[in-house]
Amino acid sequence: MLAEFEERVLQIILKFLKKISERDFTLRTKAIHSYHLEALAGNPQNAGVYGVKGTCAFSDGLQDFDVTQRLPHDVMHDLLEGILPLMTRLILAHYIRSPQLEQLNSLLFEQDLTYACNMPNKLTATKVTSLNSHISGTAVQKLRAFLVAASLADSFC
């Protein structure tokens, strides 16, 4: 049973990943990172938009340090706060209509979790269908939303 579930999830992910190419993304360069820092200085709310909270301490103390070239990627944030929420949104936008979204929210909140703070946030039609929107919450909340949505995909297809 678990193997069948994992296979269905993998099939859904692969279907959507085939639609994405490198041309859909822009690598963060030194110039782009500088722009993000300037935008952050102008408006602290931009931290969530650009994923930058401020200058790197290494940049202040080390000559010629480039944060875009010298630091490894944070896989947890890339996956759980970037890729999975996007995949969840794309899957839901493709398969789910408004009445089904309410059903999915009911199932999300029926989950028996050890820590209630890990309960996913309510999904709205705007969060699911808008290109400028994102699924909010912590990494664990986003993972939970993805797993529940993926497990229910067959019933909504």
Protein backbone atom coordinates (compact mmCIF):
# COMPACT_ATOMS: atom_id res chain seq x y z
CA MET A 1 0.00 0.00 0.00
CA LEU A 2 2.76 2.48 0.97
CA ALA A 3 4.74 1.59 -2.16
CA GLU A 4 1.68 2.32 -4.33
CA PHE A 5 1.22 5.67 -2.58
CA GLU A 6 4.89 6.59 -3.08
CA GLU A 7 4.66 5.59 -6.75
CA ARG A 8 1.58 7.81 -7.27
CA VAL A 9 3.32 10.75 -5.59
CA LEU A 10 6.42 10.23 -7.72
CA GLN A 11 4.34 10.05 -10.91
CA ILE A 12 2.60 13.33 -10.06
CA ILE A 13 5.89 15.08 -9.26
CA LEU A 14 7.56 13.84 -12.44
CA LYS A 15 4.61 14.95 -14.57
CA PHE A 16 4.92 18.51 -13.30
CA LEU A 17 8.72 18.58 -13.27
CA LYS A 18 8.73 17.79 -17.00
CA LYS A 19 7.05 21.15 -17.55
CA ILE A 20 9.81 23.07 -15.73
CA SER A 21 13.14 23.94 -17.32
CA GLU A 22 16.25 25.88 -16.33
CA ARG A 23 14.94 28.82 -18.37
CA ASP A 24 12.17 29.22 -15.76
CA PHE A 25 14.70 30.19 -13.08
CA THR A 26 17.32 32.87 -12.57
CA LEU A 27 20.49 32.03 -10.67
CA ARG A 28 21.26 34.43 -7.86
CA THR A 29 24.28 36.42 -8.93
CA LYS A 30 26.23 39.05 -7.02
CA ALA A 31 24.30 41.79 -8.86
CA ILE A 32 20.91 40.21 -8.16
CA HIS A 33 21.86 39.64 -4.52
CA SER A 34 22.86 43.32 -4.22
CA TYR A 35 19.50 44.31 -5.70
CA HIS A 36 17.72 42.10 -3.14
CA LEU A 37 19.68 43.72 -0.29
CA GLU A 38 18.75 47.19 -1.59
CA ALA A 39 15.09 46.17 -1.81
CA LEU A 40 15.30 44.82 1.73
CA ALA A 41 16.77 48.10 2.98
CA GLY A 42 13.87 49.95 1.35
CA ASN A 43 11.22 47.62 2.77
CA PRO A 44 11.86 44.91 5.42
CA GLN A 45 8.79 43.00 4.09
CA ASN A 46 10.93 42.10 1.07
CA ALA A 47 12.78 39.54 3.21
CA GLY A 48 10.03 37.03 2.48
CA VAL A 49 9.92 37.94 -1.19
CA TYR A 50 13.63 37.52 -1.91
CA GLY A 51 14.67 35.07 0.80
CA VAL A 52 17.29 37.48 2.10
CA LYS A 53 17.29 38.75 5.68
CA GLY A 54 20.35 40.98 5.48
CA THR A 55 24.01 41.10 4.59
CA CYS A 56 26.11 38.08 5.42
CA ALA A 57 28.53 38.55 8.31
CA PHE A 58 31.28 37.05 6.16
CA SER A 59 30.75 39.77 3.55
CA ASP A 60 31.51 42.44 6.14
CA GLY A 61 34.70 40.83 7.40
CA LEU A 62 36.22 39.01 4.44
CA GLN A 63 37.48 40.87 1.41
CA ASP A 64 36.09 39.60 -1.92
CA PHE A 65 33.60 37.26 -0.24
CA ASP A 66 30.63 36.58 -2.52
CA VAL A 67 27.72 34.94 -0.73
CA THR A 68 26.29 33.65 -4.03
CA GLN A 69 29.48 31.71 -4.79
CA ARG A 70 30.86 30.69 -1.38
CA LEU A 71 27.93 29.28 0.60
CA PRO A 72 26.22 25.93 -0.09
CA HIS A 73 22.51 25.75 -0.77
CA ASP A 74 20.18 25.07 2.13
CA VAL A 75 18.43 21.95 0.86
CA MET A 76 15.75 21.94 3.58
CA HIS A 77 14.62 25.44 2.72
CA ASP A 78 14.96 24.87 -1.02
CA LEU A 79 12.79 21.75 -0.88
CA LEU A 80 10.34 22.30 1.97
CA GLU A 81 9.83 26.03 1.59
CA GLY A 82 10.37 26.36 -2.15
CA ILE A 83 9.85 23.30 -4.33
CA LEU A 84 7.23 21.35 -2.34
CA PRO A 85 4.86 24.30 -1.82
CA LEU A 86 5.14 25.12 -5.52
CA MET A 87 4.49 21.49 -6.46
CA THR A 88 1.53 21.37 -4.06
CA ARG A 89 0.07 24.53 -5.55
CA LEU A 90 0.53 23.28 -9.12
CA ILE A 91 -1.02 19.90 -8.33
CA LEU A 92 -3.97 21.46 -6.54
CA ALA A 93 -4.51 24.10 -9.23
CA HIS A 94 -4.59 21.39 -11.88
CA TYR A 95 -6.82 18.83 -10.16
CA ILE A 96 -8.91 20.56 -7.54
CA ARG A 97 -11.93 22.82 -7.85
CA SER A 98 -13.48 24.90 -5.06
CA PRO A 99 -15.78 22.25 -3.49
CA GLN A 100 -12.92 19.77 -3.46
CA LEU A 101 -10.65 22.35 -1.85
CA GLU A 102 -13.00 22.52 1.15
CA GLN A 103 -12.91 18.73 1.33
CA LEU A 104 -9.11 18.80 1.23
CA ASN A 105 -9.00 21.42 4.01
CA SER A 106 -11.25 19.20 6.12
CA LEU A 107 -8.87 16.28 5.60
CA LEU A 108 -5.86 18.46 6.41
CA PHE A 109 -7.37 19.43 9.74
CA GLU A 110 -8.42 15.87 10.60
CA GLN A 111 -4.79 14.79 10.76
CA ASP A 112 -3.69 13.45 14.13
CA LEU A 113 -0.43 15.28 14.74
CA THR A 114 1.87 15.04 17.71
CA TYR A 115 2.36 18.80 17.64
CA ALA A 116 -0.69 20.89 16.73
CA CYS A 117 1.61 23.70 15.58
CA ASN A 118 2.54 21.52 12.58
CA MET A 119 -1.03 21.63 11.24
CA PRO A 120 -1.00 23.10 7.70
CA ASN A 121 -2.59 26.48 7.11
CA LYS A 122 -5.97 26.56 5.38
CA LEU A 123 -5.69 26.43 1.60
CA THR A 124 -7.73 28.99 -0.30
CA ALA A 125 -8.59 29.15 -3.99
CA THR A 126 -6.43 32.28 -4.32
CA LYS A 127 -3.41 30.61 -2.74
CA VAL A 128 -3.79 27.62 -5.03
CA THR A 129 -4.54 29.30 -8.37
CA SER A 130 -2.79 32.69 -8.27
CA LEU A 131 0.63 32.80 -9.91
CA ASN A 132 1.75 35.46 -7.41
CA SER A 133 0.57 33.54 -4.37
CA HIS A 134 2.29 30.94 -2.24
CA ILE A 135 1.29 28.40 0.35
CA SER A 136 2.09 29.88 3.73
CA GLY A 137 3.40 28.16 6.83
CA THR A 138 6.51 26.56 8.25
CA ALA A 139 8.52 23.92 6.41
CA VAL A 140 6.77 21.14 8.36
CA GLN A 141 3.32 22.60 7.65
CA LYS A 142 4.12 22.77 3.93
CA LEU A 143 5.44 19.20 3.94
CA ARG A 144 2.25 18.00 5.64
CA ALA A 145 0.06 19.84 3.09
CA PHE A 146 2.03 18.29 0.23
CA LEU A 147 1.82 14.76 1.61
CA VAL A 148 -1.92 14.98 2.24
CA ALA A 149 -2.60 16.53 -1.17
CA ALA A 150 -0.46 13.93 -2.93
CA SER A 151 -2.11 11.06 -1.07
CA LEU A 152 -5.54 12.31 -2.15
CA ALA A 153 -4.62 13.00 -5.76
CA ASP A 154 -6.17 9.79 -7.06
CA SER A 155 -9.54 10.59 -5.54
CA PHE A 156 -9.60 14.03 -7.20
CA CYS A 157 -8.36 12.97 -10.65
